[in-house]
Structures are given as structure tokens and as C-alpha cells.
Amino acid sequence: SWNQASRSTVSTASLVQEMEQHQANCSAPVMRFDVDHSFGLGSHLVLWSQALCNAWELGYRIQTYTPPESPWLWLDQTLCDTTATSPLECYFPQAETKCPQDHLVDPLSLPTVPDPRDRKQFCSRLRNSNYTNALRHFRTASFRYLFQHLSPLVVNDA
């Protein structure tokens, strides 16, 4: 019904705002999410969403990482700096690296996010509730969060 959709939109917008505030909290430590070459871009975004939830629950902000010797498959090396701290930074600037110190930290010194593929390690927000609805709600909010930071590079290339 319209009321359910309206409530869902409001709560999703609130969750997006919470994500924004969390990732912009420069006093919170950063946790590294290592991206690999196992999946397509959409799968990486789903894993990023889960990694965000896992890190958030532990009190950390999230930052993706891929070793320079093995660049992320989806990084446009002609238009993006291959040494970027976060491989997602090319497409979603300001989604992860919001604080001045974020570019100064050696990513290898950061703790890593619990495996976002392992359902046993899912954040309690998703593990201890109506799983399908909670997951849908969190994924929707995290994708909205990412895409509100979409780079003009992507928009111009579309």
C-alpha cells in the first residue's frame, strides 16, 4: 500500500542519513574491505553493503582496498588514479574517504572487515531480525548512499 511504501521511503532516507553521518565521523577508526576479482561490479556493491554493515556495527568506517599490483578489475585506469586509496573512489567519490586523514593512512595497517560473504558474520542488524525485509532495507539504503555520491565521470560516460 501507499502508506507502507511511504514509511519505507522515510526509513530508508533516515538510514541513508545515518550512513552519511557514520562515514563522515572522522573520529571513528577505519576498517579495510579487501575487494577481489571473483565477481562482477554488482556483486562487489552487494558485498560492500554487507561490509559496511559489519564495520559499522563494530564502530568503524569502511574503506575498500585492492593491492596496487593487482588493480580492481572495474577500475577505469585511463580516467582514475590506480593508486587511489579506495577503488570505489573513482565512481563514488566521498562515499568512503570523507576525512583528511583517510588518504594518509597505510591501508595495510588497518584491520579488515569480517567476511561479508559469511552469513554467520553478518552484522546483528541483519542477522537478528526479519532477514528478508531487513536485508532489502539495508541494501536499498546503502545503494542510495553510494549513488548519491556518484561521480560526474560515470554520469558523463553513460
C-alpha atoms as a PDB file:
ATOM      1  CA  SER A   1       0.000   0.000   0.000  1.00  0.00           C
ATOM      2  CA  TRP A   2       0.983   3.656  -0.344  1.00  0.00           C
ATOM      3  CA  ASN A   3       1.407   4.041   3.443  1.00  0.00           C
ATOM      4  CA  GLN A   4       3.827   1.123   3.591  1.00  0.00           C
ATOM      5  CA  ALA A   5       5.824   2.480   0.658  1.00  0.00           C
ATOM      6  CA  SER A   6       5.878   5.938   2.218  1.00  0.00           C
ATOM      7  CA  ARG A   7       7.086   4.596   5.595  1.00  0.00           C
ATOM      8  CA  SER A   8       9.718   2.508   3.835  1.00  0.00           C
ATOM      9  CA  THR A   9      10.990   5.518   1.886  1.00  0.00           C
ATOM     10  CA  VAL A  10      11.199   7.634   5.016  1.00  0.00           C
ATOM     11  CA  SER A  11      13.021   4.947   6.973  1.00  0.00           C
ATOM     12  CA  THR A  12      15.347   4.307   4.026  1.00  0.00           C
ATOM     13  CA  ALA A  13      16.099   8.029   3.798  1.00  0.00           C
ATOM     14  CA  SER A  14      16.810   8.063   7.543  1.00  0.00           C
ATOM     15  CA  LEU A  15      19.152   5.107   7.209  1.00  0.00           C
ATOM     16  CA  VAL A  16      20.966   6.784   4.297  1.00  0.00           C
ATOM     17  CA  GLN A  17      21.420   9.856   6.518  1.00  0.00           C
ATOM     18  CA  GLU A  18      22.783   7.647   9.316  1.00  0.00           C
ATOM     19  CA  MET A  19      25.255   6.109   6.851  1.00  0.00           C
ATOM     20  CA  GLU A  20      26.300   9.578   5.745  1.00  0.00           C
ATOM     21  CA  GLN A  21      26.882  10.666   9.346  1.00  0.00           C
ATOM     22  CA  HIS A  22      28.715   7.455  10.199  1.00  0.00           C
ATOM     23  CA  GLN A  23      31.106   7.598   7.237  1.00  0.00           C
ATOM     24  CA  ALA A  24      31.727  11.322   7.919  1.00  0.00           C
ATOM     25  CA  ASN A  25      32.592  10.727  11.588  1.00  0.00           C
ATOM     26  CA  CYS A  26      36.316  11.424  11.360  1.00  0.00           C
ATOM     27  CA  SER A  27      36.877  10.344  14.968  1.00  0.00           C
ATOM     28  CA  ALA A  28      35.748   6.788  14.125  1.00  0.00           C
ATOM     29  CA  PRO A  29      38.525   4.415  13.062  1.00  0.00           C
ATOM     30  CA  VAL A  30      38.628   2.900   9.577  1.00  0.00           C
ATOM     31  CA  MET A  31      38.321  -0.772   8.697  1.00  0.00           C
ATOM     32  CA  ARG A  32      39.559  -2.138   5.381  1.00  0.00           C
ATOM     33  CA  PHE A  33      37.361  -4.115   2.993  1.00  0.00           C
ATOM     34  CA  ASP A  34      39.525  -6.046   0.544  1.00  0.00           C
ATOM     35  CA  VAL A  35      37.939  -6.376  -2.886  1.00  0.00           C
ATOM     36  CA  ASP A  36      38.976  -9.292  -5.029  1.00  0.00           C
ATOM     37  CA  HIS A  37      38.480 -10.340  -8.617  1.00  0.00           C
ATOM     38  CA  SER A  38      35.880 -13.051  -8.040  1.00  0.00           C
ATOM     39  CA  PHE A  39      32.699 -11.276  -9.072  1.00  0.00           C
ATOM     40  CA  GLY A  40      31.129  -8.604 -11.222  1.00  0.00           C
ATOM     41  CA  LEU A  41      30.692  -4.986 -10.202  1.00  0.00           C
ATOM     42  CA  GLY A  42      27.139  -5.513  -8.923  1.00  0.00           C
ATOM     43  CA  SER A  43      28.281  -8.331  -6.660  1.00  0.00           C
ATOM     44  CA  HIS A  44      31.057  -6.131  -5.322  1.00  0.00           C
ATOM     45  CA  LEU A  45      28.496  -3.463  -4.440  1.00  0.00           C
ATOM     46  CA  VAL A  46      26.378  -6.041  -2.583  1.00  0.00           C
ATOM     47  CA  LEU A  47      29.464  -7.214  -0.681  1.00  0.00           C
ATOM     48  CA  TRP A  48      30.383  -3.584   0.037  1.00  0.00           C
ATOM     49  CA  SER A  49      26.925  -3.066   1.537  1.00  0.00           C
ATOM     50  CA  GLN A  50      27.378  -6.052   3.835  1.00  0.00           C
ATOM     51  CA  ALA A  51      30.922  -4.987   4.727  1.00  0.00           C
ATOM     52  CA  LEU A  52      29.580  -1.528   5.615  1.00  0.00           C
ATOM     53  CA  CYS A  53      27.059  -3.088   7.996  1.00  0.00           C
ATOM     54  CA  ASN A  54      29.710  -5.338   9.569  1.00  0.00           C
ATOM     55  CA  ALA A  55      32.185  -2.477  10.070  1.00  0.00           C
ATOM     56  CA  TRP A  56      29.501  -0.056  11.278  1.00  0.00           C
ATOM     57  CA  GLU A  57      28.367  -2.468  13.966  1.00  0.00           C
ATOM     58  CA  LEU A  58      31.949  -2.651  15.244  1.00  0.00           C
ATOM     59  CA  GLY A  59      32.236   1.154  15.321  1.00  0.00           C
ATOM     60  CA  TYR A  60      34.380   1.522  12.202  1.00  0.00           C
ATOM     61  CA  ARG A  61      34.017   3.420   8.978  1.00  0.00           C
ATOM     62  CA  ILE A  62      34.707   1.388   5.844  1.00  0.00           C
ATOM     63  CA  GLN A  63      37.267   1.823   3.097  1.00  0.00           C
ATOM     64  CA  THR A  64      37.790  -0.560   0.192  1.00  0.00           C
ATOM     65  CA  TYR A  65      41.250  -1.676  -0.771  1.00  0.00           C
ATOM     66  CA  THR A  66      42.897  -3.570  -3.587  1.00  0.00           C
ATOM     67  CA  PRO A  67      46.652  -4.139  -3.858  1.00  0.00           C
ATOM     68  CA  PRO A  68      48.377  -1.860  -6.417  1.00  0.00           C
ATOM     69  CA  GLU A  69      49.965  -4.886  -8.090  1.00  0.00           C
ATOM     70  CA  SER A  70      46.513  -6.359  -8.691  1.00  0.00           C
ATOM     71  CA  PRO A  71      44.185  -3.445  -9.529  1.00  0.00           C
ATOM     72  CA  TRP A  72      40.467  -3.850  -9.224  1.00  0.00           C
ATOM     73  CA  LEU A  73      39.021  -5.182 -12.484  1.00  0.00           C
ATOM     74  CA  TRP A  74      36.406  -2.431 -12.656  1.00  0.00           C
ATOM     75  CA  LEU A  75      38.791   0.490 -12.164  1.00  0.00           C
ATOM     76  CA  ASP A  76      38.936   2.680 -15.265  1.00  0.00           C
ATOM     77  CA  GLN A  77      42.691   3.136 -15.348  1.00  0.00           C
ATOM     78  CA  THR A  78      42.517   5.712 -18.136  1.00  0.00           C
ATOM     79  CA  LEU A  79      40.409   8.093 -16.031  1.00  0.00           C
ATOM     80  CA  CYS A  80      41.129   7.094 -12.432  1.00  0.00           C
ATOM     81  CA  ASP A  81      44.294   7.082 -10.393  1.00  0.00           C
ATOM     82  CA  THR A  82      45.325   3.437  -9.994  1.00  0.00           C
ATOM     83  CA  THR A  83      46.879   4.254  -6.631  1.00  0.00           C
ATOM     84  CA  ALA A  84      43.627   5.602  -5.191  1.00  0.00           C
ATOM     85  CA  THR A  85      43.175   4.606  -1.580  1.00  0.00           C
ATOM     86  CA  SER A  86      39.749   3.216  -2.374  1.00  0.00           C
ATOM     87  CA  PRO A  87      38.934   1.557  -5.703  1.00  0.00           C
ATOM     88  CA  LEU A  88      35.336   2.767  -5.356  1.00  0.00           C
ATOM     89  CA  GLU A  89      36.574   6.351  -5.087  1.00  0.00           C
ATOM     90  CA  CYS A  90      36.662   6.688  -8.870  1.00  0.00           C
ATOM     91  CA  TYR A  91      32.948   6.002  -9.159  1.00  0.00           C
ATOM     92  CA  PHE A  92      31.627   7.119  -5.761  1.00  0.00           C
ATOM     93  CA  PRO A  93      33.924   9.897  -4.529  1.00  0.00           C
ATOM     94  CA  GLN A  94      33.244  10.909  -0.950  1.00  0.00           C
ATOM     95  CA  ALA A  95      31.388   7.682  -0.159  1.00  0.00           C
ATOM     96  CA  GLU A  96      34.330   6.313   1.822  1.00  0.00           C
ATOM     97  CA  THR A  97      37.167   8.810   2.065  1.00  0.00           C
ATOM     98  CA  LYS A  98      35.460  11.766   3.733  1.00  0.00           C
ATOM     99  CA  CYS A  99      38.133  12.784   6.211  1.00  0.00           C
ATOM    100  CA  PRO A 100      41.502  14.453   5.529  1.00  0.00           C
ATOM    101  CA  GLN A 101      43.435  11.687   7.268  1.00  0.00           C
ATOM    102  CA  ASP A 102      41.841   8.943   5.144  1.00  0.00           C
ATOM    103  CA  HIS A 103      44.383   9.431   2.356  1.00  0.00           C
ATOM    104  CA  LEU A 104      47.304   9.413   4.785  1.00  0.00           C
ATOM    105  CA  VAL A 105      46.714   6.007   6.365  1.00  0.00           C
ATOM    106  CA  ASP A 106      48.529   2.934   5.069  1.00  0.00           C
ATOM    107  CA  PRO A 107      45.625   0.614   4.164  1.00  0.00           C
ATOM    108  CA  LEU A 108      47.659  -2.436   5.164  1.00  0.00           C
ATOM    109  CA  SER A 109      47.799  -1.125   8.741  1.00  0.00           C
ATOM    110  CA  LEU A 110      44.003  -1.191   9.020  1.00  0.00           C
ATOM    111  CA  PRO A 111      42.004  -4.089  10.471  1.00  0.00           C
ATOM    112  CA  THR A 112      39.902  -5.973   7.932  1.00  0.00           C
ATOM    113  CA  VAL A 113      36.114  -6.251   7.861  1.00  0.00           C
ATOM    114  CA  PRO A 114      34.658  -9.628   8.868  1.00  0.00           C
ATOM    115  CA  ASP A 115      33.968 -11.646   5.717  1.00  0.00           C
ATOM    116  CA  PRO A 116      30.813 -10.180   4.144  1.00  0.00           C
ATOM    117  CA  ARG A 117      30.177 -13.499   2.361  1.00  0.00           C
ATOM    118  CA  ASP A 118      29.832 -15.441   5.625  1.00  0.00           C
ATOM    119  CA  ARG A 119      26.238 -15.191   6.889  1.00  0.00           C
ATOM    120  CA  LYS A 120      27.396 -16.222  10.366  1.00  0.00           C
ATOM    121  CA  GLN A 121      29.417 -12.991  10.489  1.00  0.00           C
ATOM    122  CA  PHE A 122      26.609 -10.722   9.251  1.00  0.00           C
ATOM    123  CA  CYS A 123      26.013  -7.709  11.459  1.00  0.00           C
ATOM    124  CA  SER A 124      23.291  -8.299  14.039  1.00  0.00           C
ATOM    125  CA  ARG A 125      21.078  -5.686  12.340  1.00  0.00           C
ATOM    126  CA  LEU A 126      20.602  -8.221   9.537  1.00  0.00           C
ATOM    127  CA  ARG A 127      21.162 -11.464  11.406  1.00  0.00           C
ATOM    128  CA  ASN A 128      18.712 -10.992  14.278  1.00  0.00           C
ATOM    129  CA  SER A 129      15.657  -9.572  12.542  1.00  0.00           C
ATOM    130  CA  ASN A 130      13.222 -10.345   9.774  1.00  0.00           C
ATOM    131  CA  TYR A 131      16.099 -11.202   7.468  1.00  0.00           C
ATOM    132  CA  THR A 132      14.473 -10.583   4.078  1.00  0.00           C
ATOM    133  CA  ASN A 133      12.978  -7.195   4.948  1.00  0.00           C
ATOM    134  CA  ALA A 134      15.997  -6.010   6.937  1.00  0.00           C
ATOM    135  CA  LEU A 135      18.369  -7.054   4.172  1.00  0.00           C
ATOM    136  CA  ARG A 136      16.290  -5.401   1.452  1.00  0.00           C
ATOM    137  CA  HIS A 137      16.019  -2.218   3.504  1.00  0.00           C
ATOM    138  CA  PHE A 138      19.753  -2.069   4.272  1.00  0.00           C
ATOM    139  CA  ARG A 139      20.793  -2.859   0.682  1.00  0.00           C
ATOM    140  CA  THR A 140      18.413  -0.205  -0.676  1.00  0.00           C
ATOM    141  CA  ALA A 141      19.784   2.387   1.732  1.00  0.00           C
ATOM    142  CA  SER A 142      23.423   1.509   1.097  1.00  0.00           C
ATOM    143  CA  PHE A 143      22.979   1.685  -2.683  1.00  0.00           C
ATOM    144  CA  ARG A 144      21.203   5.025  -2.351  1.00  0.00           C
ATOM    145  CA  TYR A 145      24.066   6.181  -0.157  1.00  0.00           C
ATOM    146  CA  LEU A 146      26.637   5.128  -2.764  1.00  0.00           C
ATOM    147  CA  PHE A 147      24.756   6.540  -5.736  1.00  0.00           C
ATOM    148  CA  GLN A 148      24.172   9.913  -4.116  1.00  0.00           C
ATOM    149  CA  HIS A 149      27.971  10.155  -4.337  1.00  0.00           C
ATOM    150  CA  LEU A 150      28.092   9.086  -7.990  1.00  0.00           C
ATOM    151  CA  SER A 151      30.963  10.659  -9.880  1.00  0.00           C
ATOM    152  CA  PRO A 152      30.260  13.041 -12.772  1.00  0.00           C
ATOM    153  CA  LEU A 153      32.730  10.820 -14.644  1.00  0.00           C
ATOM    154  CA  VAL A 154      30.179   7.997 -14.610  1.00  0.00           C
ATOM    155  CA  VAL A 155      27.250  10.258 -15.464  1.00  0.00           C
ATOM    156  CA  ASN A 156      29.116  11.780 -18.419  1.00  0.00           C
ATOM    157  CA  ASP A 157      30.175   8.344 -19.632  1.00  0.00           C
ATOM    158  CA  ALA A 158      26.633   6.925 -19.513  1.00  0.00           C
END
